[in-house]
Amino acid sequence: MPKKSSKPNRSYQIADQIQRDLTELVARELKDPRVGMVTLSAVEVTPDYAHAKVFFSILVGDPQETEDALNQAAGFLRNHLFKRLHIHTVPTLHFQFDRTTERAADMNALIAKAVSSRSKDD
């Protein structure tokens, strides 16, 4: 029988803690003017905790410019995470723009268009 891990959801817990700490760090410590109103939507951590993919969305501004700024600040943020997290390996951060809200808006527009064309046919 395989040995069960004492904490089966540890990677989810680590990802959640990284997301909470990064949200606070980006808001309070990061002074880059290219980073405005950023919302960190999710964090995915590799099984060996070497890398973390951080998904973000923004209210205003250029997503590519914000992504570049966050990736440039990744070392700074990782250093601050190292002081906060009590794990052996703090992952290298990779920021990626989350297009979920854009896709959701597009789908809503398509649904609304389909509903309006259907009601005209009736």
PDB file of N, CA and C in Angstrom:
ATOM      1  N   MET A   1       0.842  -1.173   0.000  1.00  0.00           N
ATOM      2  CA  MET A   1       0.000   0.000   0.000  1.00  0.00           C
ATOM      3  C   MET A   1       0.892   1.243   0.000  1.00  0.00           C
ATOM      4  N   PRO A   2       0.650   2.204  -0.918  1.00  0.00           N
ATOM      5  CA  PRO A   2       1.484   3.399  -0.961  1.00  0.00           C
ATOM      6  C   PRO A   2       1.267   4.274   0.264  1.00  0.00           C
ATOM      7  N   LYS A   3       2.346   4.913   0.652  1.00  0.00           N
ATOM      8  CA  LYS A   3       2.294   5.786   1.821  1.00  0.00           C
ATOM      9  C   LYS A   3       1.525   7.055   1.469  1.00  0.00           C
ATOM     10  N   LYS A   4       0.561   7.401   2.297  1.00  0.00           N
ATOM     11  CA  LYS A   4      -0.209   8.616   2.075  1.00  0.00           C
ATOM     12  C   LYS A   4       0.565   9.812   2.610  1.00  0.00           C
ATOM     13  N   SER A   5       0.475  10.896   1.877  1.00  0.00           N
ATOM     14  CA  SER A   5       1.094  12.130   2.324  1.00  0.00           C
ATOM     15  C   SER A   5       0.307  12.683   3.507  1.00  0.00           C
ATOM     16  N   SER A   6       1.010  13.276   4.449  1.00  0.00           N
ATOM     17  CA  SER A   6       0.322  13.827   5.608  1.00  0.00           C
ATOM     18  C   SER A   6      -0.509  15.044   5.227  1.00  0.00           C
ATOM     19  N   LYS A   7      -0.109  15.726   4.172  1.00  0.00           N
ATOM     20  CA  LYS A   7      -0.869  16.881   3.690  1.00  0.00           C
ATOM     21  C   LYS A   7      -1.064  16.741   2.186  1.00  0.00           C
ATOM     22  N   PRO A   8      -2.151  16.096   1.754  1.00  0.00           N
ATOM     23  CA  PRO A   8      -2.339  15.850   0.320  1.00  0.00           C
ATOM     24  C   PRO A   8      -2.548  17.122  -0.493  1.00  0.00           C
ATOM     25  N   ASN A   9      -3.029  18.170   0.096  1.00  0.00           N
ATOM     26  CA  ASN A   9      -3.302  19.407  -0.629  1.00  0.00           C
ATOM     27  C   ASN A   9      -2.225  20.457  -0.395  1.00  0.00           C
ATOM     28  N   ARG A  10      -1.043  20.035  -0.066  1.00  0.00           N
ATOM     29  CA  ARG A  10       0.017  20.976   0.286  1.00  0.00           C
ATOM     30  C   ARG A  10       0.327  21.944  -0.859  1.00  0.00           C
ATOM     31  N   SER A  11       0.381  21.475  -2.083  1.00  0.00           N
ATOM     32  CA  SER A  11       0.696  22.388  -3.185  1.00  0.00           C
ATOM     33  C   SER A  11      -0.404  23.435  -3.352  1.00  0.00           C
ATOM     34  N   TYR A  12      -1.657  23.064  -3.106  1.00  0.00           N
ATOM     35  CA  TYR A  12      -2.743  24.043  -3.165  1.00  0.00           C
ATOM     36  C   TYR A  12      -2.624  25.057  -2.028  1.00  0.00           C
ATOM     37  N   GLN A  13      -2.242  24.580  -0.860  1.00  0.00           N
ATOM     38  CA  GLN A  13      -2.062  25.476   0.278  1.00  0.00           C
ATOM     39  C   GLN A  13      -0.919  26.449   0.030  1.00  0.00           C
ATOM     40  N   ILE A  14       0.165  25.949  -0.530  1.00  0.00           N
ATOM     41  CA  ILE A  14       1.314  26.807  -0.844  1.00  0.00           C
ATOM     42  C   ILE A  14       0.912  27.837  -1.897  1.00  0.00           C
ATOM     43  N   ALA A  15       0.223  27.403  -2.941  1.00  0.00           N
ATOM     44  CA  ALA A  15      -0.214  28.317  -3.999  1.00  0.00           C
ATOM     45  C   ALA A  15      -1.142  29.386  -3.439  1.00  0.00           C
ATOM     46  N   ASP A  16      -2.047  28.994  -2.567  1.00  0.00           N
ATOM     47  CA  ASP A  16      -2.974  29.944  -1.959  1.00  0.00           C
ATOM     48  C   ASP A  16      -2.232  30.962  -1.098  1.00  0.00           C
ATOM     49  N   GLN A  17      -1.268  30.490  -0.322  1.00  0.00           N
ATOM     50  CA  GLN A  17      -0.493  31.401   0.528  1.00  0.00           C
ATOM     51  C   GLN A  17       0.351  32.351  -0.322  1.00  0.00           C
ATOM     52  N   ILE A  18       0.934  31.848  -1.402  1.00  0.00           N
ATOM     53  CA  ILE A  18       1.708  32.698  -2.311  1.00  0.00           C
ATOM     54  C   ILE A  18       0.797  33.773  -2.903  1.00  0.00           C
ATOM     55  N   GLN A  19      -0.399  33.393  -3.303  1.00  0.00           N
ATOM     56  CA  GLN A  19      -1.329  34.361  -3.883  1.00  0.00           C
ATOM     57  C   GLN A  19      -1.672  35.456  -2.876  1.00  0.00           C
ATOM     58  N   ARG A  20      -1.969  35.083  -1.640  1.00  0.00           N
ATOM     59  CA  ARG A  20      -2.304  36.080  -0.610  1.00  0.00           C
ATOM     60  C   ARG A  20      -1.131  37.005  -0.332  1.00  0.00           C
ATOM     61  N   ASP A  21       0.069  36.427  -0.170  1.00  0.00           N
ATOM     62  CA  ASP A  21       1.244  37.245   0.127  1.00  0.00           C
ATOM     63  C   ASP A  21       1.616  38.147  -1.046  1.00  0.00           C
ATOM     64  N   LEU A  22       1.541  37.618  -2.265  1.00  0.00           N
ATOM     65  CA  LEU A  22       1.866  38.430  -3.438  1.00  0.00           C
ATOM     66  C   LEU A  22       0.874  39.578  -3.625  1.00  0.00           C
ATOM     67  N   THR A  23      -0.396  39.325  -3.349  1.00  0.00           N
ATOM     68  CA  THR A  23      -1.393  40.386  -3.452  1.00  0.00           C
ATOM     69  C   THR A  23      -1.018  41.555  -2.551  1.00  0.00           C
ATOM     70  N   GLU A  24      -0.634  41.230  -1.347  1.00  0.00           N
ATOM     71  CA  GLU A  24      -0.224  42.271  -0.395  1.00  0.00           C
ATOM     72  C   GLU A  24       1.075  42.946  -0.830  1.00  0.00           C
ATOM     73  N   LEU A  25       2.041  42.165  -1.287  1.00  0.00           N
ATOM     74  CA  LEU A  25       3.327  42.726  -1.702  1.00  0.00           C
ATOM     75  C   LEU A  25       3.195  43.635  -2.916  1.00  0.00           C
ATOM     76  N   VAL A  26       2.403  43.218  -3.893  1.00  0.00           N
ATOM     77  CA  VAL A  26       2.232  44.033  -5.097  1.00  0.00           C
ATOM     78  C   VAL A  26       1.564  45.354  -4.729  1.00  0.00           C
ATOM     79  N   ALA A  27       0.577  45.299  -3.849  1.00  0.00           N
ATOM     80  CA  ALA A  27      -0.149  46.509  -3.469  1.00  0.00           C
ATOM     81  C   ALA A  27       0.700  47.453  -2.622  1.00  0.00           C
ATOM     82  N   ARG A  28       1.522  46.908  -1.726  1.00  0.00           N
ATOM     83  CA  ARG A  28       2.226  47.759  -0.754  1.00  0.00           C
ATOM     84  C   ARG A  28       3.693  48.033  -1.078  1.00  0.00           C
ATOM     85  N   GLU A  29       4.381  47.076  -1.658  1.00  0.00           N
ATOM     86  CA  GLU A  29       5.828  47.199  -1.822  1.00  0.00           C
ATOM     87  C   GLU A  29       6.267  47.581  -3.227  1.00  0.00           C
ATOM     88  N   LEU A  30       5.472  47.231  -4.223  1.00  0.00           N
ATOM     89  CA  LEU A  30       5.876  47.455  -5.603  1.00  0.00           C
ATOM     90  C   LEU A  30       5.545  48.888  -6.017  1.00  0.00           C
ATOM     91  N   LYS A  31       6.568  49.621  -6.418  1.00  0.00           N
ATOM     92  CA  LYS A  31       6.400  51.043  -6.737  1.00  0.00           C
ATOM     93  C   LYS A  31       6.474  51.332  -8.230  1.00  0.00           C
ATOM     94  N   ASP A  32       6.417  50.319  -9.056  1.00  0.00           N
ATOM     95  CA  ASP A  32       6.516  50.503 -10.504  1.00  0.00           C
ATOM     96  C   ASP A  32       5.239  51.160 -11.033  1.00  0.00           C
ATOM     97  N   PRO A  33       5.347  52.292 -11.740  1.00  0.00           N
ATOM     98  CA  PRO A  33       4.144  52.966 -12.245  1.00  0.00           C
ATOM     99  C   PRO A  33       3.414  52.179 -13.331  1.00  0.00           C
ATOM    100  N   ARG A  34       4.084  51.198 -13.944  1.00  0.00           N
ATOM    101  CA  ARG A  34       3.429  50.382 -14.973  1.00  0.00           C
ATOM    102  C   ARG A  34       2.456  49.380 -14.366  1.00  0.00           C
ATOM    103  N   VAL A  35       2.583  49.149 -13.062  1.00  0.00           N
ATOM    104  CA  VAL A  35       1.705  48.211 -12.369  1.00  0.00           C
ATOM    105  C   VAL A  35       0.649  49.022 -11.629  1.00  0.00           C
ATOM    106  N   GLY A  36      -0.565  48.973 -12.135  1.00  0.00           N
ATOM    107  CA  GLY A  36      -1.650  49.730 -11.528  1.00  0.00           C
ATOM    108  C   GLY A  36      -2.513  48.841 -10.657  1.00  0.00           C
ATOM    109  N   MET A  37      -3.791  48.830 -10.975  1.00  0.00           N
ATOM    110  CA  MET A  37      -4.765  48.032 -10.232  1.00  0.00           C
ATOM    111  C   MET A  37      -4.698  46.586 -10.723  1.00  0.00           C
ATOM    112  N   VAL A  38      -3.875  45.792 -10.072  1.00  0.00           N
ATOM    113  CA  VAL A  38      -3.662  44.398 -10.467  1.00  0.00           C
ATOM    114  C   VAL A  38      -4.415  43.480  -9.518  1.00  0.00           C
ATOM    115  N   THR A  39      -5.094  42.500 -10.080  1.00  0.00           N
ATOM    116  CA  THR A  39      -5.754  41.464  -9.296  1.00  0.00           C
ATOM    117  C   THR A  39      -5.098  40.138  -9.626  1.00  0.00           C
ATOM    118  N   LEU A  40      -4.584  39.474  -8.616  1.00  0.00           N
ATOM    119  CA  LEU A  40      -3.991  38.154  -8.818  1.00  0.00           C
ATOM    120  C   LEU A  40      -5.117  37.130  -8.710  1.00  0.00           C
ATOM    121  N   SER A  41      -5.394  36.448  -9.812  1.00  0.00           N
ATOM    122  CA  SER A  41      -6.543  35.552  -9.859  1.00  0.00           C
ATOM    123  C   SER A  41      -6.218  34.112  -9.499  1.00  0.00           C
ATOM    124  N   ALA A  42      -5.003  33.665  -9.760  1.00  0.00           N
ATOM    125  CA  ALA A  42      -4.655  32.277  -9.451  1.00  0.00           C
ATOM    126  C   ALA A  42      -3.139  32.103  -9.441  1.00  0.00           C
ATOM    127  N   VAL A  43      -2.704  31.072  -8.734  1.00  0.00           N
ATOM    128  CA  VAL A  43      -1.291  30.684  -8.716  1.00  0.00           C
ATOM    129  C   VAL A  43      -1.233  29.175  -8.893  1.00  0.00           C
ATOM    130  N   GLU A  44      -0.401  28.738  -9.831  1.00  0.00           N
ATOM    131  CA  GLU A  44      -0.167  27.310 -10.043  1.00  0.00           C
ATOM    132  C   GLU A  44       1.292  27.018  -9.720  1.00  0.00           C
ATOM    133  N   VAL A  45       1.518  26.075  -8.830  1.00  0.00           N
ATOM    134  CA  VAL A  45       2.866  25.722  -8.403  1.00  0.00           C
ATOM    135  C   VAL A  45       3.215  24.349  -8.954  1.00  0.00           C
ATOM    136  N   THR A  46       4.450  24.208  -9.469  1.00  0.00           N
ATOM    137  CA  THR A  46       4.900  22.907  -9.946  1.00  0.00           C
ATOM    138  C   THR A  46       5.067  21.961  -8.755  1.00  0.00           C
ATOM    139  N   PRO A  47       5.015  20.666  -8.975  1.00  0.00           N
ATOM    140  CA  PRO A  47       5.114  19.713  -7.866  1.00  0.00           C
ATOM    141  C   PRO A  47       6.399  19.829  -7.045  1.00  0.00           C
ATOM    142  N   ASP A  48       7.489  20.280  -7.665  1.00  0.00           N
ATOM    143  CA  ASP A  48       8.741  20.419  -6.919  1.00  0.00           C
ATOM    144  C   ASP A  48       8.910  21.822  -6.325  1.00  0.00           C
ATOM    145  N   TYR A  49       7.898  22.664  -6.449  1.00  0.00           N
ATOM    146  CA  TYR A  49       7.891  24.037  -5.925  1.00  0.00           C
ATOM    147  C   TYR A  49       8.982  24.911  -6.537  1.00  0.00           C
ATOM    148  N   ALA A  50       9.494  24.545  -7.692  1.00  0.00           N
ATOM    149  CA  ALA A  50      10.558  25.329  -8.314  1.00  0.00           C
ATOM    150  C   ALA A  50      10.002  26.535  -9.073  1.00  0.00           C
ATOM    151  N   HIS A  51       8.791  26.417  -9.598  1.00  0.00           N
ATOM    152  CA  HIS A  51       8.211  27.490 -10.398  1.00  0.00           C
ATOM    153  C   HIS A  51       6.756  27.701 -10.003  1.00  0.00           C
ATOM    154  N   ALA A  52       6.342  28.950 -10.090  1.00  0.00           N
ATOM    155  CA  ALA A  52       4.938  29.289  -9.847  1.00  0.00           C
ATOM    156  C   ALA A  52       4.462  30.200 -10.971  1.00  0.00           C
ATOM    157  N   LYS A  53       3.363  29.813 -11.587  1.00  0.00           N
ATOM    158  CA  LYS A  53       2.748  30.633 -12.622  1.00  0.00           C
ATOM    159  C   LYS A  53       1.663  31.458 -11.932  1.00  0.00           C
ATOM    160  N   VAL A  54       1.801  32.786 -12.016  1.00  0.00           N
ATOM    161  CA  VAL A  54       0.884  33.692 -11.335  1.00  0.00           C
ATOM    162  C   VAL A  54       0.023  34.375 -12.396  1.00  0.00           C
ATOM    163  N   PHE A  55      -1.278  34.154 -12.334  1.00  0.00           N
ATOM    164  CA  PHE A  55      -2.209  34.745 -13.286  1.00  0.00           C
ATOM    165  C   PHE A  55      -2.774  36.025 -12.699  1.00  0.00           C
ATOM    166  N   PHE A  56      -2.821  37.078 -13.517  1.00  0.00           N
ATOM    167  CA  PHE A  56      -3.318  38.365 -13.045  1.00  0.00           C
ATOM    168  C   PHE A  56      -4.238  38.988 -14.068  1.00  0.00           C
ATOM    169  N   SER A  57      -5.067  39.915 -13.598  1.00  0.00           N
ATOM    170  CA  SER A  57      -5.905  40.728 -14.481  1.00  0.00           C
ATOM    171  C   SER A  57      -5.774  42.174 -14.026  1.00  0.00           C
ATOM    172  N   ILE A  58      -6.117  43.087 -14.924  1.00  0.00           N
ATOM    173  CA  ILE A  58      -6.002  44.507 -14.608  1.00  0.00           C
ATOM    174  C   ILE A  58      -7.283  45.217 -15.016  1.00  0.00           C
ATOM    175  N   LEU A  59      -7.557  46.331 -14.347  1.00  0.00           N
ATOM    176  CA  LEU A  59      -8.734  47.128 -14.694  1.00  0.00           C
ATOM    177  C   LEU A  59      -8.437  48.061 -15.850  1.00  0.00           C
ATOM    178  N   VAL A  60      -7.338  48.772 -15.762  1.00  0.00           N
ATOM    179  CA  VAL A  60      -6.945  49.699 -16.825  1.00  0.00           C
ATOM    180  C   VAL A  60      -5.471  49.500 -17.129  1.00  0.00           C
ATOM    181  N   GLY A  61      -5.080  49.873 -18.322  1.00  0.00           N
ATOM    182  CA  GLY A  61      -3.680  49.787 -18.695  1.00  0.00           C
ATOM    183  C   GLY A  61      -3.427  48.717 -19.733  1.00  0.00           C
ATOM    184  N   ASP A  62      -2.158  48.616 -20.090  1.00  0.00           N
ATOM    185  CA  ASP A  62      -1.720  47.668 -21.104  1.00  0.00           C
ATOM    186  C   ASP A  62      -1.311  46.352 -20.434  1.00  0.00           C
ATOM    187  N   PRO A  63      -1.971  45.248 -20.762  1.00  0.00           N
ATOM    188  CA  PRO A  63      -1.637  43.966 -20.132  1.00  0.00           C
ATOM    189  C   PRO A  63      -0.188  43.541 -20.364  1.00  0.00           C
ATOM    190  N   GLN A  64       0.330  43.752 -21.575  1.00  0.00           N
ATOM    191  CA  GLN A  64       1.697  43.334 -21.876  1.00  0.00           C
ATOM    192  C   GLN A  64       2.708  44.147 -21.070  1.00  0.00           C
ATOM    193  N   GLU A  65       2.466  45.444 -20.954  1.00  0.00           N
ATOM    194  CA  GLU A  65       3.363  46.309 -20.185  1.00  0.00           C
ATOM    195  C   GLU A  65       3.348  45.927 -18.707  1.00  0.00           C
ATOM    196  N   THR A  66       2.168  45.632 -18.191  1.00  0.00           N
ATOM    197  CA  THR A  66       2.044  45.209 -16.794  1.00  0.00           C
ATOM    198  C   THR A  66       2.725  43.868 -16.576  1.00  0.00           C
ATOM    199  N   GLU A  67       2.549  42.949 -17.526  1.00  0.00           N
ATOM    200  CA  GLU A  67       3.195  41.632 -17.421  1.00  0.00           C
ATOM    201  C   GLU A  67       4.714  41.781 -17.412  1.00  0.00           C
ATOM    202  N   ASP A  68       5.245  42.632 -18.289  1.00  0.00           N
ATOM    203  CA  ASP A  68       6.684  42.870 -18.321  1.00  0.00           C
ATOM    204  C   ASP A  68       7.178  43.452 -16.996  1.00  0.00           C
ATOM    205  N   ALA A  69       6.431  44.406 -16.450  1.00  0.00           N
ATOM    206  CA  ALA A  69       6.825  45.031 -15.185  1.00  0.00           C
ATOM    207  C   ALA A  69       6.811  44.014 -14.045  1.00  0.00           C
ATOM    208  N   LEU A  70       5.777  43.179 -14.001  1.00  0.00           N
ATOM    209  CA  LEU A  70       5.696  42.176 -12.934  1.00  0.00           C
ATOM    210  C   LEU A  70       6.799  41.133 -13.069  1.00  0.00           C
ATOM    211  N   ASN A  71       7.097  40.721 -14.297  1.00  0.00           N
ATOM    212  CA  ASN A  71       8.169  39.747 -14.486  1.00  0.00           C
ATOM    213  C   ASN A  71       9.537  40.345 -14.160  1.00  0.00           C
ATOM    214  N   GLN A  72       9.712  41.658 -14.394  1.00  0.00           N
ATOM    215  CA  GLN A  72      10.964  42.306 -13.994  1.00  0.00           C
ATOM    216  C   GLN A  72      11.079  42.376 -12.476  1.00  0.00           C
ATOM    217  N   ALA A  73       9.944  42.526 -11.801  1.00  0.00           N
ATOM    218  CA  ALA A  73       9.941  42.616 -10.341  1.00  0.00           C
ATOM    219  C   ALA A  73       9.855  41.250  -9.670  1.00  0.00           C
ATOM    220  N   ALA A  74       9.856  40.170 -10.442  1.00  0.00           N
ATOM    221  CA  ALA A  74       9.683  38.825  -9.894  1.00  0.00           C
ATOM    222  C   ALA A  74      10.758  38.478  -8.865  1.00  0.00           C
ATOM    223  N   GLY A  75      11.987  38.860  -9.116  1.00  0.00           N
ATOM    224  CA  GLY A  75      13.061  38.579  -8.159  1.00  0.00           C
ATOM    225  C   GLY A  75      12.855  39.311  -6.846  1.00  0.00           C
ATOM    226  N   PHE A  76      12.469  40.564  -6.937  1.00  0.00           N
ATOM    227  CA  PHE A  76      12.173  41.376  -5.753  1.00  0.00           C
ATOM    228  C   PHE A  76      11.035  40.750  -4.945  1.00  0.00           C
ATOM    229  N   LEU A  77       9.972  40.366  -5.646  1.00  0.00           N
ATOM    230  CA  LEU A  77       8.821  39.768  -4.974  1.00  0.00           C
ATOM    231  C   LEU A  77       9.171  38.402  -4.381  1.00  0.00           C
ATOM    232  N   ARG A  78       9.972  37.637  -5.094  1.00  0.00           N
ATOM    233  CA  ARG A  78      10.393  36.319  -4.589  1.00  0.00           C
ATOM    234  C   ARG A  78      11.221  36.472  -3.320  1.00  0.00           C
ATOM    235  N   ASN A  79      12.096  37.475  -3.284  1.00  0.00           N
ATOM    236  CA  ASN A  79      12.904  37.735  -2.104  1.00  0.00           C
ATOM    237  C   ASN A  79      12.019  38.053  -0.901  1.00  0.00           C
ATOM    238  N   HIS A  80      10.987  38.862  -1.112  1.00  0.00           N
ATOM    239  CA  HIS A  80      10.072  39.184  -0.023  1.00  0.00           C
ATOM    240  C   HIS A  80       9.232  37.973   0.379  1.00  0.00           C
ATOM    241  N   LEU A  81       8.882  37.137  -0.590  1.00  0.00           N
ATOM    242  CA  LEU A  81       8.155  35.904  -0.273  1.00  0.00           C
ATOM    243  C   LEU A  81       9.002  34.973   0.584  1.00  0.00           C
ATOM    244  N   PHE A  82      10.295  34.934   0.292  1.00  0.00           N
ATOM    245  CA  PHE A  82      11.203  34.067   1.045  1.00  0.00           C
ATOM    246  C   PHE A  82      11.173  34.426   2.530  1.00  0.00           C
ATOM    247  N   LYS A  83      11.036  35.711   2.820  1.00  0.00           N
ATOM    248  CA  LYS A  83      10.983  36.156   4.220  1.00  0.00           C
ATOM    249  C   LYS A  83       9.661  35.802   4.886  1.00  0.00           C
ATOM    250  N   ARG A  84       8.595  35.651   4.086  1.00  0.00           N
ATOM    251  CA  ARG A  84       7.268  35.396   4.640  1.00  0.00           C
ATOM    252  C   ARG A  84       6.913  33.912   4.722  1.00  0.00           C
ATOM    253  N   LEU A  85       7.290  33.162   3.695  1.00  0.00           N
ATOM    254  CA  LEU A  85       6.923  31.748   3.628  1.00  0.00           C
ATOM    255  C   LEU A  85       7.910  30.908   4.413  1.00  0.00           C
ATOM    256  N   HIS A  86       7.406  29.877   5.012  1.00  0.00           N
ATOM    257  CA  HIS A  86       8.267  28.979   5.767  1.00  0.00           C
ATOM    258  C   HIS A  86       8.378  27.643   5.045  1.00  0.00           C
ATOM    259  N   ILE A  87       8.907  27.720   3.806  1.00  0.00           N
ATOM    260  CA  ILE A  87       9.124  26.505   3.037  1.00  0.00           C
ATOM    261  C   ILE A  87      10.570  26.492   2.565  1.00  0.00           C
ATOM    262  N   HIS A  88      11.037  25.314   2.229  1.00  0.00           N
ATOM    263  CA  HIS A  88      12.439  25.144   1.856  1.00  0.00           C
ATOM    264  C   HIS A  88      12.771  25.846   0.548  1.00  0.00           C
ATOM    265  N   THR A  89      11.902  25.701  -0.438  1.00  0.00           N
ATOM    266  CA  THR A  89      12.135  26.288  -1.753  1.00  0.00           C
ATOM    267  C   THR A  89      11.023  27.273  -2.081  1.00  0.00           C
ATOM    268  N   VAL A  90      11.396  28.522  -2.306  1.00  0.00           N
ATOM    269  CA  VAL A  90      10.422  29.513  -2.770  1.00  0.00           C
ATOM    270  C   VAL A  90      10.487  29.509  -4.289  1.00  0.00           C
ATOM    271  N   PRO A  91       9.365  29.314  -4.948  1.00  0.00           N
ATOM    272  CA  PRO A  91       9.386  29.157  -6.402  1.00  0.00           C
ATOM    273  C   PRO A  91       9.764  30.435  -7.151  1.00  0.00           C
ATOM    274  N   THR A  92      10.312  30.230  -8.339  1.00  0.00           N
ATOM    275  CA  THR A  92      10.559  31.329  -9.266  1.00  0.00           C
ATOM    276  C   THR A  92       9.203  31.742  -9.824  1.00  0.00           C
ATOM    277  N   LEU A  93       8.947  33.041  -9.840  1.00  0.00           N
ATOM    278  CA  LEU A  93       7.638  33.548 -10.237  1.00  0.00           C
ATOM    279  C   LEU A  93       7.596  33.875 -11.722  1.00  0.00           C
ATOM    280  N   HIS A  94       6.526  33.459 -12.366  1.00  0.00           N
ATOM    281  CA  HIS A  94       6.280  33.757 -13.775  1.00  0.00           C
ATOM    282  C   HIS A  94       4.868  34.343 -13.881  1.00  0.00           C
ATOM    283  N   PHE A  95       4.777  35.609 -14.231  1.00  0.00           N
ATOM    284  CA  PHE A  95       3.478  36.278 -14.312  1.00  0.00           C
ATOM    285  C   PHE A  95       2.901  36.135 -15.711  1.00  0.00           C
ATOM    286  N   GLN A  96       1.588  35.906 -15.761  1.00  0.00           N
ATOM    287  CA  GLN A  96       0.901  35.718 -17.034  1.00  0.00           C
ATOM    288  C   GLN A  96      -0.473  36.379 -16.951  1.00  0.00           C
ATOM    289  N   PHE A  97      -0.802  37.160 -17.989  1.00  0.00           N
ATOM    290  CA  PHE A  97      -2.087  37.853 -18.025  1.00  0.00           C
ATOM    291  C   PHE A  97      -3.216  36.843 -18.171  1.00  0.00           C
ATOM    292  N   ASP A  98      -4.242  36.967 -17.353  1.00  0.00           N
ATOM    293  CA  ASP A  98      -5.392  36.067 -17.337  1.00  0.00           C
ATOM    294  C   ASP A  98      -6.491  36.645 -18.221  1.00  0.00           C
ATOM    295  N   ARG A  99      -6.793  35.975 -19.296  1.00  0.00           N
ATOM    296  CA  ARG A  99      -7.783  36.463 -20.259  1.00  0.00           C
ATOM    297  C   ARG A  99      -9.187  35.906 -20.001  1.00  0.00           C
ATOM    298  N   THR A 100      -9.414  35.338 -18.853  1.00  0.00           N
ATOM    299  CA  THR A 100     -10.705  34.738 -18.540  1.00  0.00           C
ATOM    300  C   THR A 100     -11.837  35.752 -18.607  1.00  0.00           C
ATOM    301  N   THR A 101     -11.632  36.946 -18.059  1.00  0.00           N
ATOM    302  CA  THR A 101     -12.706  37.944 -18.057  1.00  0.00           C
ATOM    303  C   THR A 101     -13.022  38.409 -19.478  1.00  0.00           C
ATOM    304  N   GLU A 102     -11.975  38.533 -20.312  1.00  0.00           N
ATOM    305  CA  GLU A 102     -12.213  38.907 -21.712  1.00  0.00           C
ATOM    306  C   GLU A 102     -13.023  37.833 -22.431  1.00  0.00           C
ATOM    307  N   ARG A 103     -12.658  36.577 -22.216  1.00  0.00           N
ATOM    308  CA  ARG A 103     -13.375  35.476 -22.853  1.00  0.00           C
ATOM    309  C   ARG A 103     -14.816  35.404 -22.369  1.00  0.00           C
ATOM    310  N   ALA A 104     -15.023  35.653 -21.077  1.00  0.00           N
ATOM    311  CA  ALA A 104     -16.373  35.633 -20.522  1.00  0.00           C
ATOM    312  C   ALA A 104     -17.228  36.744 -21.137  1.00  0.00           C
ATOM    313  N   ALA A 105     -16.651  37.921 -21.311  1.00  0.00           N
ATOM    314  CA  ALA A 105     -17.384  39.029 -21.929  1.00  0.00           C
ATOM    315  C   ALA A 105     -17.730  38.695 -23.381  1.00  0.00           C
ATOM    316  N   ASP A 106     -16.797  38.088 -24.101  1.00  0.00           N
ATOM    317  CA  ASP A 106     -17.063  37.677 -25.485  1.00  0.00           C
ATOM    318  C   ASP A 106     -18.186  36.639 -25.551  1.00  0.00           C
ATOM    319  N   MET A 107     -18.149  35.676 -24.643  1.00  0.00           N
ATOM    320  CA  MET A 107     -19.198  34.644 -24.621  1.00  0.00           C
ATOM    321  C   MET A 107     -20.550  35.262 -24.286  1.00  0.00           C
ATOM    322  N   ASN A 108     -20.588  36.196 -23.338  1.00  0.00           N
ATOM    323  CA  ASN A 108     -21.845  36.861 -22.989  1.00  0.00           C
ATOM    324  C   ASN A 108     -22.397  37.637 -24.172  1.00  0.00           C
ATOM    325  N   ALA A 109     -21.516  38.283 -24.931  1.00  0.00           N
ATOM    326  CA  ALA A 109     -21.950  39.027 -26.108  1.00  0.00           C
ATOM    327  C   ALA A 109     -22.519  38.074 -27.160  1.00  0.00           C
ATOM    328  N   LEU A 110     -21.875  36.933 -27.355  1.00  0.00           N
ATOM    329  CA  LEU A 110     -22.381  35.952 -28.312  1.00  0.00           C
ATOM    330  C   LEU A 110     -23.733  35.391 -27.885  1.00  0.00           C
ATOM    331  N   ILE A 111     -23.883  35.118 -26.615  1.00  0.00           N
ATOM    332  CA  ILE A 111     -25.153  34.594 -26.107  1.00  0.00           C
ATOM    333  C   ILE A 111     -26.257  35.637 -26.270  1.00  0.00           C
ATOM    334  N   ALA A 112     -25.940  36.874 -25.932  1.00  0.00           N
ATOM    335  CA  ALA A 112     -26.935  37.948 -26.071  1.00  0.00           C
ATOM    336  C   ALA A 112     -27.350  38.122 -27.535  1.00  0.00           C
ATOM    337  N   LYS A 113     -26.383  38.014 -28.426  1.00  0.00           N
ATOM    338  CA  LYS A 113     -26.668  38.140 -29.856  1.00  0.00           C
ATOM    339  C   LYS A 113     -27.566  36.994 -30.325  1.00  0.00           C
ATOM    340  N   ALA A 114     -27.266  35.783 -29.867  1.00  0.00           N
ATOM    341  CA  ALA A 114     -28.066  34.617 -30.242  1.00  0.00           C
ATOM    342  C   ALA A 114     -29.479  34.727 -29.698  1.00  0.00           C
ATOM    343  N   VAL A 115     -29.623  35.186 -28.478  1.00  0.00           N
ATOM    344  CA  VAL A 115     -30.947  35.327 -27.858  1.00  0.00           C
ATOM    345  C   VAL A 115     -31.750  36.394 -28.575  1.00  0.00           C
ATOM    346  N   SER A 116     -31.095  37.508 -28.914  1.00  0.00           N
ATOM    347  CA  SER A 116     -31.830  38.584 -29.595  1.00  0.00           C
ATOM    348  C   SER A 116     -32.250  38.163 -31.017  1.00  0.00           C
ATOM    349  N   SER A 117     -31.404  37.422 -31.715  1.00  0.00           N
ATOM    350  CA  SER A 117     -31.782  36.960 -33.060  1.00  0.00           C
ATOM    351  C   SER A 117     -32.868  35.896 -32.979  1.00  0.00           C
ATOM    352  N   ARG A 118     -32.870  35.105 -31.931  1.00  0.00           N
ATOM    353  CA  ARG A 118     -33.899  34.078 -31.753  1.00  0.00           C
ATOM    354  C   ARG A 118     -35.246  34.724 -31.436  1.00  0.00           C
ATOM    355  N   SER A 119     -35.223  35.781 -30.625  1.00  0.00           N
ATOM    356  CA  SER A 119     -36.485  36.436 -30.268  1.00  0.00           C
ATOM    357  C   SER A 119     -37.074  37.189 -31.475  1.00  0.00           C
ATOM    358  N   LYS A 120     -36.222  37.648 -32.382  1.00  0.00           N
ATOM    359  CA  LYS A 120     -36.711  38.314 -33.597  1.00  0.00           C
ATOM    360  C   LYS A 120     -37.382  37.297 -34.526  1.00  0.00           C
ATOM    361  N   ASP A 121     -36.876  36.070 -34.513  1.00  0.00           N
ATOM    362  CA  ASP A 121     -37.429  35.024 -35.383  1.00  0.00           C
ATOM    363  C   ASP A 121     -38.804  34.565 -34.885  1.00  0.00           C
ATOM    364  N   ASP A 122     -39.051  34.658 -33.595  1.00  0.00           N
ATOM    365  CA  ASP A 122     -40.329  34.185 -33.025  1.00  0.00           C
ATOM    366  C   ASP A 122     -41.454  35.108 -33.281  1.00  0.00           C
TER     367      ASP A 122
END
